[in-house]
Amino acid sequence: MSEQMNRRIAGPHGIATGIPASAQVECLHRNPVQTILRVTGTFDGGPREFFVSHSGERAGMVAVRGGDVLLVRQYRLLVDGPAWEIPGGRVDDGETAEAAAVRECFEETGVTCRQPRLLAFYLPGLDGSHNPTHIYASDRTEDGVAPGGGHAHREIAAKAWIPLDEALQMIAERRIVDCLTMVALLGLKAGLLKRLPSGHDAGASA
Protein backbone atom coordinates (compact mmCIF):
# COMPACT_ATOMS: atom_id res chain seq x y z
CA MET A 1 0.00 0.00 0.00
CA SER A 2 1.04 3.62 -0.47
CA GLU A 3 2.34 5.68 2.43
CA GLN A 4 -0.94 7.62 2.54
CA MET A 5 -2.92 4.40 2.89
CA ASN A 6 -0.69 3.13 5.70
CA ARG A 7 -0.43 6.23 7.84
CA ARG A 8 -2.83 7.13 10.60
CA ILE A 9 -4.47 10.50 9.96
CA ALA A 10 -4.74 12.79 12.96
CA GLY A 11 -8.20 14.16 13.63
CA PRO A 12 -9.60 16.43 16.36
CA HIS A 13 -9.61 15.37 20.03
CA GLY A 14 -6.83 12.84 19.43
CA ILE A 15 -8.80 10.71 16.96
CA ALA A 16 -6.51 8.74 14.65
CA THR A 17 -8.15 7.20 11.62
CA GLY A 18 -6.80 4.40 9.50
CA ILE A 19 -6.30 0.65 9.45
CA PRO A 20 -4.74 -0.76 12.65
CA ALA A 21 -1.12 -1.83 12.24
CA SER A 22 -1.92 -5.34 13.51
CA ALA A 23 -4.37 -6.02 10.65
CA GLN A 24 -3.66 -8.11 7.58
CA VAL A 25 -4.47 -6.12 4.44
CA GLU A 26 -5.05 -7.41 0.92
CA CYS A 27 -5.64 -5.14 -2.07
CA LEU A 28 -8.57 -6.44 -4.14
CA HIS A 29 -8.89 -3.60 -6.64
CA ARG A 30 -7.24 -0.29 -7.41
CA ASN A 31 -8.16 2.53 -9.77
CA PRO A 32 -7.13 6.20 -9.97
CA VAL A 33 -9.61 7.32 -7.31
CA GLN A 34 -9.98 4.45 -4.83
CA THR A 35 -8.61 1.18 -3.55
CA ILE A 36 -10.72 -1.71 -2.28
CA LEU A 37 -9.11 -3.59 0.60
CA ARG A 38 -9.85 -6.80 2.48
CA VAL A 39 -8.86 -6.32 6.11
CA THR A 40 -8.67 -9.30 8.46
CA GLY A 41 -7.47 -9.78 12.00
CA THR A 42 -8.54 -10.01 15.59
CA PHE A 43 -10.63 -7.02 16.58
CA ASP A 44 -12.74 -6.53 19.70
CA GLY A 45 -11.80 -9.95 20.99
CA GLY A 46 -12.52 -12.06 17.93
CA PRO A 47 -11.65 -12.67 14.25
CA ARG A 48 -13.23 -10.17 11.88
CA GLU A 49 -13.19 -9.39 8.17
CA PHE A 50 -13.85 -5.99 6.65
CA PHE A 51 -13.98 -4.67 3.10
CA VAL A 52 -12.80 -1.07 2.96
CA SER A 53 -13.07 1.47 0.17
CA HIS A 54 -10.01 3.70 0.60
CA SER A 55 -10.14 7.02 -1.22
CA GLY A 56 -7.68 9.11 0.77
CA GLU A 57 -8.35 12.44 2.44
CA ARG A 58 -10.79 15.02 1.15
CA ALA A 59 -11.08 18.74 1.84
CA GLY A 60 -13.82 21.26 1.16
CA MET A 61 -14.11 25.03 1.47
CA VAL A 62 -17.04 27.18 2.53
CA ALA A 63 -16.37 30.65 1.13
CA VAL A 64 -18.51 33.20 2.97
CA ARG A 65 -19.34 36.72 1.81
CA GLY A 66 -21.77 38.59 3.97
CA GLY A 67 -24.65 36.19 4.42
CA ASP A 68 -23.89 34.27 1.22
CA VAL A 69 -21.97 31.06 0.59
CA LEU A 70 -20.21 30.05 -2.64
CA LEU A 71 -21.57 26.93 -4.34
CA VAL A 72 -20.65 25.22 -7.60
CA ARG A 73 -22.90 23.18 -9.85
CA GLN A 74 -21.78 20.02 -11.62
CA TYR A 75 -23.16 16.77 -12.98
CA ARG A 76 -23.26 13.84 -10.54
CA LEU A 77 -23.71 10.28 -11.76
CA LEU A 78 -25.72 8.80 -8.90
CA VAL A 79 -28.43 11.45 -9.14
CA ASP A 80 -28.04 11.67 -12.93
CA GLY A 81 -28.22 15.41 -12.90
CA PRO A 82 -26.65 18.65 -11.69
CA ALA A 83 -25.89 19.19 -8.01
CA TRP A 84 -25.01 22.31 -6.03
CA GLU A 85 -22.03 21.74 -3.71
CA ILE A 86 -19.23 23.55 -1.94
CA PRO A 87 -15.87 23.38 -3.75
CA GLY A 88 -13.73 20.45 -2.67
CA GLY A 89 -11.69 17.45 -3.65
CA ARG A 90 -8.82 15.14 -2.83
CA VAL A 91 -5.86 16.09 -0.68
CA ASP A 92 -2.77 15.43 -2.79
CA ASP A 93 0.28 13.59 -1.44
CA GLY A 94 2.44 16.01 0.53
CA GLU A 95 -0.36 18.58 0.74
CA THR A 96 -2.11 19.73 3.91
CA ALA A 97 -5.88 19.58 4.09
CA GLU A 98 -6.02 23.37 4.47
CA ALA A 99 -3.92 23.92 1.35
CA ALA A 100 -6.08 21.45 -0.59
CA ALA A 101 -9.29 23.26 0.39
CA VAL A 102 -7.87 26.62 -0.70
CA ARG A 103 -6.56 25.14 -3.96
CA GLU A 104 -9.81 23.38 -4.85
CA CYS A 105 -11.85 26.53 -4.30
CA PHE A 106 -9.54 28.58 -6.51
CA GLU A 107 -9.31 25.96 -9.24
CA GLU A 108 -13.08 25.49 -9.38
CA THR A 109 -14.21 29.10 -8.99
CA GLY A 110 -11.29 31.52 -9.25
CA VAL A 111 -12.02 32.68 -5.68
CA THR A 112 -9.07 32.87 -3.29
CA CYS A 113 -9.83 32.15 0.38
CA ARG A 114 -7.48 33.66 2.94
CA GLN A 115 -7.00 32.75 6.60
CA PRO A 116 -9.26 29.68 6.45
CA ARG A 117 -10.34 28.01 9.67
CA LEU A 118 -11.31 24.41 10.22
CA LEU A 119 -15.10 24.25 10.45
CA ALA A 120 -15.57 20.48 10.78
CA PHE A 121 -13.81 17.14 10.49
CA TYR A 122 -15.75 13.92 9.95
CA LEU A 123 -15.52 10.33 8.75
CA PRO A 124 -18.12 9.29 6.14
CA GLY A 125 -17.95 5.72 7.49
CA LEU A 126 -16.34 3.89 10.39
CA ASP A 127 -15.91 0.44 8.84
CA GLY A 128 -16.38 0.31 5.08
CA SER A 129 -15.19 3.70 3.85
CA HIS A 130 -11.93 5.49 4.64
CA ASN A 131 -12.24 9.07 3.41
CA PRO A 132 -11.37 11.48 6.26
CA THR A 133 -12.92 14.81 5.39
CA HIS A 134 -11.86 18.30 6.47
CA ILE A 135 -14.10 21.31 5.90
CA TYR A 136 -12.65 24.80 6.08
CA ALA A 137 -14.36 28.16 6.01
CA SER A 138 -13.16 31.62 5.10
CA ASP A 139 -14.88 34.99 5.12
CA ARG A 140 -11.86 36.70 3.54
CA THR A 141 -12.31 36.04 -0.14
CA GLU A 142 -10.99 37.61 -3.31
CA ASP A 143 -12.38 37.19 -6.82
CA GLY A 144 -10.01 36.12 -9.56
CA VAL A 145 -9.80 33.89 -12.59
CA ALA A 146 -9.36 30.14 -12.32
CA PRO A 147 -6.28 28.64 -14.01
CA GLY A 148 -6.58 28.54 -17.78
CA GLY A 149 -8.82 31.61 -17.90
CA GLY A 150 -11.93 29.77 -16.74
CA HIS A 151 -13.01 26.77 -14.70
CA ALA A 152 -10.05 24.42 -14.37
CA HIS A 153 -12.46 21.54 -13.85
CA ARG A 154 -14.48 21.13 -17.03
CA GLU A 155 -17.29 19.48 -15.06
CA ILE A 156 -18.05 22.72 -13.19
CA ALA A 157 -21.06 24.17 -14.99
CA ALA A 158 -21.71 27.23 -12.82
CA LYS A 159 -20.89 28.99 -9.58
CA ALA A 160 -23.09 31.24 -7.45
CA TRP A 161 -23.14 33.15 -4.19
CA ILE A 162 -26.29 31.91 -2.47
CA PRO A 163 -27.78 33.20 0.81
CA LEU A 164 -27.09 30.69 3.58
CA ASP A 165 -30.76 30.41 4.52
CA GLU A 166 -31.65 29.68 0.89
CA ALA A 167 -28.96 27.00 0.75
CA LEU A 168 -30.37 25.43 3.91
CA GLN A 169 -33.81 25.41 2.29
CA MET A 170 -32.22 23.53 -0.62
CA ILE A 171 -31.21 20.85 1.91
CA ALA A 172 -34.78 20.67 3.23
CA GLU A 173 -36.08 20.32 -0.32
CA ARG A 174 -33.46 17.64 -1.10
CA ARG A 175 -31.88 19.77 -3.78
CA ILE A 176 -28.61 19.46 -1.83
CA VAL A 177 -28.03 15.87 -0.77
CA ASP A 178 -24.26 15.32 -0.56
CA CYS A 179 -22.89 15.00 2.97
CA LEU A 180 -19.88 17.29 2.42
CA THR A 181 -22.08 20.28 1.60
CA MET A 182 -24.75 19.44 4.17
CA VAL A 183 -22.23 19.17 7.02
CA ALA A 184 -20.58 22.41 5.90
CA LEU A 185 -23.77 24.46 5.66
CA LEU A 186 -25.34 23.10 8.84
CA GLY A 187 -22.08 23.63 10.72
CA LEU A 188 -21.90 27.20 9.49
CA LYS A 189 -25.51 27.83 10.54
CA ALA A 190 -24.78 26.33 13.96
CA GLY A 191 -22.07 28.92 14.48
CA LEU A 192 -19.14 26.51 14.62
CA LEU A 193 -16.87 29.00 12.85
CA LYS A 194 -17.39 31.61 15.56
CA ARG A 195 -16.34 29.10 18.23
CA LEU A 196 -12.93 28.43 16.66
CA PRO A 197 -9.92 30.73 17.00
CA SER A 198 -8.18 31.87 13.83
CA GLY A 199 -5.65 29.32 12.66
CA HIS A 200 -7.35 26.44 14.51
CA ASP A 201 -6.39 23.31 12.57
CA ALA A 202 -7.07 20.32 14.81
CA GLY A 203 -8.05 18.15 11.88
CA ALA A 204 -5.18 18.90 9.52
CA SER A 205 -2.92 16.16 8.27
CA ALA A 206 0.04 15.22 10.38
C-alpha atoms as a PDB file:
ATOM      1  CA  MET A   1       0.000   0.000   0.000  1.00  0.00           C
ATOM      2  CA  SER A   2       1.036   3.615  -0.467  1.00  0.00           C
ATOM      3  CA  GLU A   3       2.335   5.679   2.433  1.00  0.00           C
ATOM      4  CA  GLN A   4      -0.940   7.619   2.537  1.00  0.00           C
ATOM      5  CA  MET A   5      -2.925   4.399   2.892  1.00  0.00           C
ATOM      6  CA  ASN A   6      -0.687   3.131   5.698  1.00  0.00           C
ATOM      7  CA  ARG A   7      -0.435   6.230   7.844  1.00  0.00           C
ATOM      8  CA  ARG A   8      -2.831   7.128  10.597  1.00  0.00           C
ATOM      9  CA  ILE A   9      -4.474  10.499   9.964  1.00  0.00           C
ATOM     10  CA  ALA A  10      -4.743  12.792  12.959  1.00  0.00           C
ATOM     11  CA  GLY A  11      -8.197  14.163  13.634  1.00  0.00           C
ATOM     12  CA  PRO A  12      -9.599  16.426  16.359  1.00  0.00           C
ATOM     13  CA  HIS A  13      -9.614  15.367  20.027  1.00  0.00           C
ATOM     14  CA  GLY A  14      -6.827  12.838  19.427  1.00  0.00           C
ATOM     15  CA  ILE A  15      -8.797  10.714  16.955  1.00  0.00           C
ATOM     16  CA  ALA A  16      -6.511   8.742  14.652  1.00  0.00           C
ATOM     17  CA  THR A  17      -8.152   7.201  11.616  1.00  0.00           C
ATOM     18  CA  GLY A  18      -6.805   4.397   9.500  1.00  0.00           C
ATOM     19  CA  ILE A  19      -6.301   0.646   9.454  1.00  0.00           C
ATOM     20  CA  PRO A  20      -4.742  -0.763  12.655  1.00  0.00           C
ATOM     21  CA  ALA A  21      -1.123  -1.827  12.237  1.00  0.00           C
ATOM     22  CA  SER A  22      -1.920  -5.335  13.509  1.00  0.00           C
ATOM     23  CA  ALA A  23      -4.369  -6.023  10.647  1.00  0.00           C
ATOM     24  CA  GLN A  24      -3.660  -8.109   7.581  1.00  0.00           C
ATOM     25  CA  VAL A  25      -4.475  -6.124   4.441  1.00  0.00           C
ATOM     26  CA  GLU A  26      -5.054  -7.406   0.916  1.00  0.00           C
ATOM     27  CA  CYS A  27      -5.642  -5.145  -2.071  1.00  0.00           C
ATOM     28  CA  LEU A  28      -8.573  -6.441  -4.138  1.00  0.00           C
ATOM     29  CA  HIS A  29      -8.889  -3.598  -6.641  1.00  0.00           C
ATOM     30  CA  ARG A  30      -7.236  -0.287  -7.407  1.00  0.00           C
ATOM     31  CA  ASN A  31      -8.163   2.528  -9.769  1.00  0.00           C
ATOM     32  CA  PRO A  32      -7.133   6.198  -9.973  1.00  0.00           C
ATOM     33  CA  VAL A  33      -9.608   7.316  -7.306  1.00  0.00           C
ATOM     34  CA  GLN A  34      -9.982   4.452  -4.835  1.00  0.00           C
ATOM     35  CA  THR A  35      -8.606   1.176  -3.554  1.00  0.00           C
ATOM     36  CA  ILE A  36     -10.716  -1.715  -2.282  1.00  0.00           C
ATOM     37  CA  LEU A  37      -9.107  -3.588   0.600  1.00  0.00           C
ATOM     38  CA  ARG A  38      -9.847  -6.801   2.481  1.00  0.00           C
ATOM     39  CA  VAL A  39      -8.855  -6.319   6.111  1.00  0.00           C
ATOM     40  CA  THR A  40      -8.666  -9.305   8.459  1.00  0.00           C
ATOM     41  CA  GLY A  41      -7.466  -9.777  12.001  1.00  0.00           C
ATOM     42  CA  THR A  42      -8.539 -10.014  15.589  1.00  0.00           C
ATOM     43  CA  PHE A  43     -10.629  -7.023  16.585  1.00  0.00           C
ATOM     44  CA  ASP A  44     -12.745  -6.526  19.695  1.00  0.00           C
ATOM     45  CA  GLY A  45     -11.802  -9.955  20.994  1.00  0.00           C
ATOM     46  CA  GLY A  46     -12.521 -12.055  17.925  1.00  0.00           C
ATOM     47  CA  PRO A  47     -11.651 -12.670  14.252  1.00  0.00           C
ATOM     48  CA  ARG A  48     -13.234 -10.166  11.883  1.00  0.00           C
ATOM     49  CA  GLU A  49     -13.191  -9.392   8.172  1.00  0.00           C
ATOM     50  CA  PHE A  50     -13.852  -5.986   6.649  1.00  0.00           C
ATOM     51  CA  PHE A  51     -13.977  -4.672   3.103  1.00  0.00           C
ATOM     52  CA  VAL A  52     -12.805  -1.068   2.963  1.00  0.00           C
ATOM     53  CA  SER A  53     -13.075   1.474   0.167  1.00  0.00           C
ATOM     54  CA  HIS A  54     -10.013   3.697   0.602  1.00  0.00           C
ATOM     55  CA  SER A  55     -10.144   7.019  -1.222  1.00  0.00           C
ATOM     56  CA  GLY A  56      -7.685   9.114   0.767  1.00  0.00           C
ATOM     57  CA  GLU A  57      -8.346  12.437   2.443  1.00  0.00           C
ATOM     58  CA  ARG A  58     -10.794  15.016   1.152  1.00  0.00           C
ATOM     59  CA  ALA A  59     -11.081  18.736   1.843  1.00  0.00           C
ATOM     60  CA  GLY A  60     -13.817  21.260   1.157  1.00  0.00           C
ATOM     61  CA  MET A  61     -14.112  25.027   1.468  1.00  0.00           C
ATOM     62  CA  VAL A  62     -17.039  27.184   2.526  1.00  0.00           C
ATOM     63  CA  ALA A  63     -16.371  30.645   1.132  1.00  0.00           C
ATOM     64  CA  VAL A  64     -18.510  33.199   2.973  1.00  0.00           C
ATOM     65  CA  ARG A  65     -19.343  36.719   1.805  1.00  0.00           C
ATOM     66  CA  GLY A  66     -21.766  38.594   3.968  1.00  0.00           C
ATOM     67  CA  GLY A  67     -24.654  36.185   4.418  1.00  0.00           C
ATOM     68  CA  ASP A  68     -23.888  34.272   1.224  1.00  0.00           C
ATOM     69  CA  VAL A  69     -21.966  31.064   0.585  1.00  0.00           C
ATOM     70  CA  LEU A  70     -20.210  30.051  -2.639  1.00  0.00           C
ATOM     71  CA  LEU A  71     -21.567  26.931  -4.343  1.00  0.00           C
ATOM     72  CA  VAL A  72     -20.647  25.224  -7.596  1.00  0.00           C
ATOM     73  CA  ARG A  73     -22.903  23.177  -9.846  1.00  0.00           C
ATOM     74  CA  GLN A  74     -21.778  20.023 -11.615  1.00  0.00           C
ATOM     75  CA  TYR A  75     -23.161  16.770 -12.980  1.00  0.00           C
ATOM     76  CA  ARG A  76     -23.257  13.842 -10.542  1.00  0.00           C
ATOM     77  CA  LEU A  77     -23.705  10.285 -11.763  1.00  0.00           C
ATOM     78  CA  LEU A  78     -25.720   8.799  -8.901  1.00  0.00           C
ATOM     79  CA  VAL A  79     -28.432  11.448  -9.137  1.00  0.00           C
ATOM     80  CA  ASP A  80     -28.041  11.668 -12.933  1.00  0.00           C
ATOM     81  CA  GLY A  81     -28.219  15.412 -12.904  1.00  0.00           C
ATOM     82  CA  PRO A  82     -26.652  18.652 -11.689  1.00  0.00           C
ATOM     83  CA  ALA A  83     -25.892  19.191  -8.005  1.00  0.00           C
ATOM     84  CA  TRP A  84     -25.006  22.308  -6.030  1.00  0.00           C
ATOM     85  CA  GLU A  85     -22.027  21.741  -3.706  1.00  0.00           C
ATOM     86  CA  ILE A  86     -19.230  23.546  -1.939  1.00  0.00           C
ATOM     87  CA  PRO A  87     -15.870  23.381  -3.746  1.00  0.00           C
ATOM     88  CA  GLY A  88     -13.732  20.446  -2.665  1.00  0.00           C
ATOM     89  CA  GLY A  89     -11.688  17.447  -3.652  1.00  0.00           C
ATOM     90  CA  ARG A  90      -8.816  15.142  -2.832  1.00  0.00           C
ATOM     91  CA  VAL A  91      -5.856  16.085  -0.679  1.00  0.00           C
ATOM     92  CA  ASP A  92      -2.766  15.428  -2.786  1.00  0.00           C
ATOM     93  CA  ASP A  93       0.279  13.586  -1.440  1.00  0.00           C
ATOM     94  CA  GLY A  94       2.442  16.006   0.529  1.00  0.00           C
ATOM     95  CA  GLU A  95      -0.363  18.580   0.742  1.00  0.00           C
ATOM     96  CA  THR A  96      -2.106  19.732   3.910  1.00  0.00           C
ATOM     97  CA  ALA A  97      -5.884  19.580   4.088  1.00  0.00           C
ATOM     98  CA  GLU A  98      -6.023  23.367   4.467  1.00  0.00           C
ATOM     99  CA  ALA A  99      -3.919  23.922   1.346  1.00  0.00           C
ATOM    100  CA  ALA A 100      -6.081  21.451  -0.589  1.00  0.00           C
ATOM    101  CA  ALA A 101      -9.286  23.259   0.392  1.00  0.00           C
ATOM    102  CA  VAL A 102      -7.873  26.622  -0.696  1.00  0.00           C
ATOM    103  CA  ARG A 103      -6.557  25.136  -3.958  1.00  0.00           C
ATOM    104  CA  GLU A 104      -9.810  23.376  -4.849  1.00  0.00           C
ATOM    105  CA  CYS A 105     -11.849  26.525  -4.301  1.00  0.00           C
ATOM    106  CA  PHE A 106      -9.539  28.580  -6.505  1.00  0.00           C
ATOM    107  CA  GLU A 107      -9.314  25.960  -9.238  1.00  0.00           C
ATOM    108  CA  GLU A 108     -13.081  25.486  -9.380  1.00  0.00           C
ATOM    109  CA  THR A 109     -14.210  29.095  -8.989  1.00  0.00           C
ATOM    110  CA  GLY A 110     -11.290  31.523  -9.247  1.00  0.00           C
ATOM    111  CA  VAL A 111     -12.023  32.677  -5.681  1.00  0.00           C
ATOM    112  CA  THR A 112      -9.072  32.866  -3.285  1.00  0.00           C
ATOM    113  CA  CYS A 113      -9.828  32.149   0.379  1.00  0.00           C
ATOM    114  CA  ARG A 114      -7.478  33.664   2.941  1.00  0.00           C
ATOM    115  CA  GLN A 115      -6.996  32.749   6.603  1.00  0.00           C
ATOM    116  CA  PRO A 116      -9.258  29.676   6.449  1.00  0.00           C
ATOM    117  CA  ARG A 117     -10.343  28.014   9.670  1.00  0.00           C
ATOM    118  CA  LEU A 118     -11.313  24.409  10.225  1.00  0.00           C
ATOM    119  CA  LEU A 119     -15.101  24.249  10.454  1.00  0.00           C
ATOM    120  CA  ALA A 120     -15.568  20.480  10.778  1.00  0.00           C
ATOM    121  CA  PHE A 121     -13.808  17.135  10.494  1.00  0.00           C
ATOM    122  CA  TYR A 122     -15.745  13.917   9.946  1.00  0.00           C
ATOM    123  CA  LEU A 123     -15.520  10.325   8.747  1.00  0.00           C
ATOM    124  CA  PRO A 124     -18.116   9.289   6.144  1.00  0.00           C
ATOM    125  CA  GLY A 125     -17.950   5.721   7.491  1.00  0.00           C
ATOM    126  CA  LEU A 126     -16.344   3.891  10.388  1.00  0.00           C
ATOM    127  CA  ASP A 127     -15.907   0.444   8.835  1.00  0.00           C
ATOM    128  CA  GLY A 128     -16.377   0.307   5.079  1.00  0.00           C
ATOM    129  CA  SER A 129     -15.192   3.700   3.849  1.00  0.00           C
ATOM    130  CA  HIS A 130     -11.933   5.490   4.637  1.00  0.00           C
ATOM    131  CA  ASN A 131     -12.243   9.069   3.412  1.00  0.00           C
ATOM    132  CA  PRO A 132     -11.367  11.476   6.260  1.00  0.00           C
ATOM    133  CA  THR A 133     -12.921  14.814   5.386  1.00  0.00           C
ATOM    134  CA  HIS A 134     -11.858  18.303   6.467  1.00  0.00           C
ATOM    135  CA  ILE A 135     -14.104  21.314   5.904  1.00  0.00           C
ATOM    136  CA  TYR A 136     -12.645  24.804   6.078  1.00  0.00           C
ATOM    137  CA  ALA A 137     -14.362  28.163   6.009  1.00  0.00           C
ATOM    138  CA  SER A 138     -13.160  31.623   5.098  1.00  0.00           C
ATOM    139  CA  ASP A 139     -14.878  34.994   5.119  1.00  0.00           C
ATOM    140  CA  ARG A 140     -11.856  36.702   3.545  1.00  0.00           C
ATOM    141  CA  THR A 141     -12.310  36.042  -0.145  1.00  0.00           C
ATOM    142  CA  GLU A 142     -10.988  37.611  -3.313  1.00  0.00           C
ATOM    143  CA  ASP A 143     -12.375  37.189  -6.824  1.00  0.00           C
ATOM    144  CA  GLY A 144     -10.010  36.121  -9.563  1.00  0.00           C
ATOM    145  CA  VAL A 145      -9.803  33.892 -12.593  1.00  0.00           C
ATOM    146  CA  ALA A 146      -9.355  30.142 -12.321  1.00  0.00           C
ATOM    147  CA  PRO A 147      -6.279  28.637 -14.005  1.00  0.00           C
ATOM    148  CA  GLY A 148      -6.583  28.539 -17.779  1.00  0.00           C
ATOM    149  CA  GLY A 149      -8.820  31.607 -17.898  1.00  0.00           C
ATOM    150  CA  GLY A 150     -11.931  29.768 -16.735  1.00  0.00           C
ATOM    151  CA  HIS A 151     -13.011  26.772 -14.700  1.00  0.00           C
ATOM    152  CA  ALA A 152     -10.050  24.418 -14.366  1.00  0.00           C
ATOM    153  CA  HIS A 153     -12.462  21.542 -13.854  1.00  0.00           C
ATOM    154  CA  ARG A 154     -14.476  21.125 -17.031  1.00  0.00           C
ATOM    155  CA  GLU A 155     -17.295  19.476 -15.058  1.00  0.00           C
ATOM    156  CA  ILE A 156     -18.054  22.723 -13.189  1.00  0.00           C
ATOM    157  CA  ALA A 157     -21.057  24.171 -14.993  1.00  0.00           C
ATOM    158  CA  ALA A 158     -21.709  27.227 -12.820  1.00  0.00           C
ATOM    159  CA  LYS A 159     -20.889  28.989  -9.584  1.00  0.00           C
ATOM    160  CA  ALA A 160     -23.092  31.237  -7.454  1.00  0.00           C
ATOM    161  CA  TRP A 161     -23.145  33.151  -4.189  1.00  0.00           C
ATOM    162  CA  ILE A 162     -26.293  31.908  -2.469  1.00  0.00           C
ATOM    163  CA  PRO A 163     -27.784  33.200   0.809  1.00  0.00           C
ATOM    164  CA  LEU A 164     -27.090  30.688   3.581  1.00  0.00           C
ATOM    165  CA  ASP A 165     -30.763  30.408   4.522  1.00  0.00           C
ATOM    166  CA  GLU A 166     -31.651  29.683   0.892  1.00  0.00           C
ATOM    167  CA  ALA A 167     -28.956  26.997   0.746  1.00  0.00           C
ATOM    168  CA  LEU A 168     -30.365  25.432   3.912  1.00  0.00           C
ATOM    169  CA  GLN A 169     -33.807  25.407   2.293  1.00  0.00           C
ATOM    170  CA  MET A 170     -32.224  23.527  -0.619  1.00  0.00           C
ATOM    171  CA  ILE A 171     -31.214  20.848   1.906  1.00  0.00           C
ATOM    172  CA  ALA A 172     -34.777  20.673   3.232  1.00  0.00           C
ATOM    173  CA  GLU A 173     -36.078  20.320  -0.324  1.00  0.00           C
ATOM    174  CA  ARG A 174     -33.464  17.636  -1.096  1.00  0.00           C
ATOM    175  CA  ARG A 175     -31.877  19.770  -3.785  1.00  0.00           C
ATOM    176  CA  ILE A 176     -28.615  19.456  -1.833  1.00  0.00           C
ATOM    177  CA  VAL A 177     -28.027  15.869  -0.771  1.00  0.00           C
ATOM    178  CA  ASP A 178     -24.257  15.318  -0.558  1.00  0.00           C
ATOM    179  CA  CYS A 179     -22.892  14.998   2.969  1.00  0.00           C
ATOM    180  CA  LEU A 180     -19.882  17.291   2.423  1.00  0.00           C
ATOM    181  CA  THR A 181     -22.075  20.282   1.597  1.00  0.00           C
ATOM    182  CA  MET A 182     -24.749  19.437   4.171  1.00  0.00           C
ATOM    183  CA  VAL A 183     -22.229  19.174   7.021  1.00  0.00           C
ATOM    184  CA  ALA A 184     -20.575  22.415   5.899  1.00  0.00           C
ATOM    185  CA  LEU A 185     -23.774  24.464   5.662  1.00  0.00           C
ATOM    186  CA  LEU A 186     -25.343  23.100   8.836  1.00  0.00           C
ATOM    187  CA  GLY A 187     -22.083  23.630  10.721  1.00  0.00           C
ATOM    188  CA  LEU A 188     -21.896  27.198   9.485  1.00  0.00           C
ATOM    189  CA  LYS A 189     -25.508  27.830  10.543  1.00  0.00           C
ATOM    190  CA  ALA A 190     -24.783  26.331  13.965  1.00  0.00           C
ATOM    191  CA  GLY A 191     -22.070  28.920  14.479  1.00  0.00           C
ATOM    192  CA  LEU A 192     -19.137  26.506  14.624  1.00  0.00           C
ATOM    193  CA  LEU A 193     -16.874  28.995  12.847  1.00  0.00           C
ATOM    194  CA  LYS A 194     -17.394  31.606  15.563  1.00  0.00           C
ATOM    195  CA  ARG A 195     -16.338  29.103  18.229  1.00  0.00           C
ATOM    196  CA  LEU A 196     -12.934  28.433  16.662  1.00  0.00           C
ATOM    197  CA  PRO A 197      -9.916  30.727  16.998  1.00  0.00           C
ATOM    198  CA  SER A 198      -8.183  31.874  13.828  1.00  0.00           C
ATOM    199  CA  GLY A 199      -5.645  29.317  12.665  1.00  0.00           C
ATOM    200  CA  HIS A 200      -7.353  26.442  14.514  1.00  0.00           C
ATOM    201  CA  ASP A 201      -6.393  23.309  12.573  1.00  0.00           C
ATOM    202  CA  ALA A 202      -7.070  20.319  14.806  1.00  0.00           C
ATOM    203  CA  GLY A 203      -8.051  18.151  11.882  1.00  0.00           C
ATOM    204  CA  ALA A 204      -5.179  18.898   9.521  1.00  0.00           C
ATOM    205  CA  SER A 205      -2.919  16.162   8.270  1.00  0.00           C
ATOM    206  CA  ALA A 206       0.041  15.223  10.384  1.00  0.00           C
END
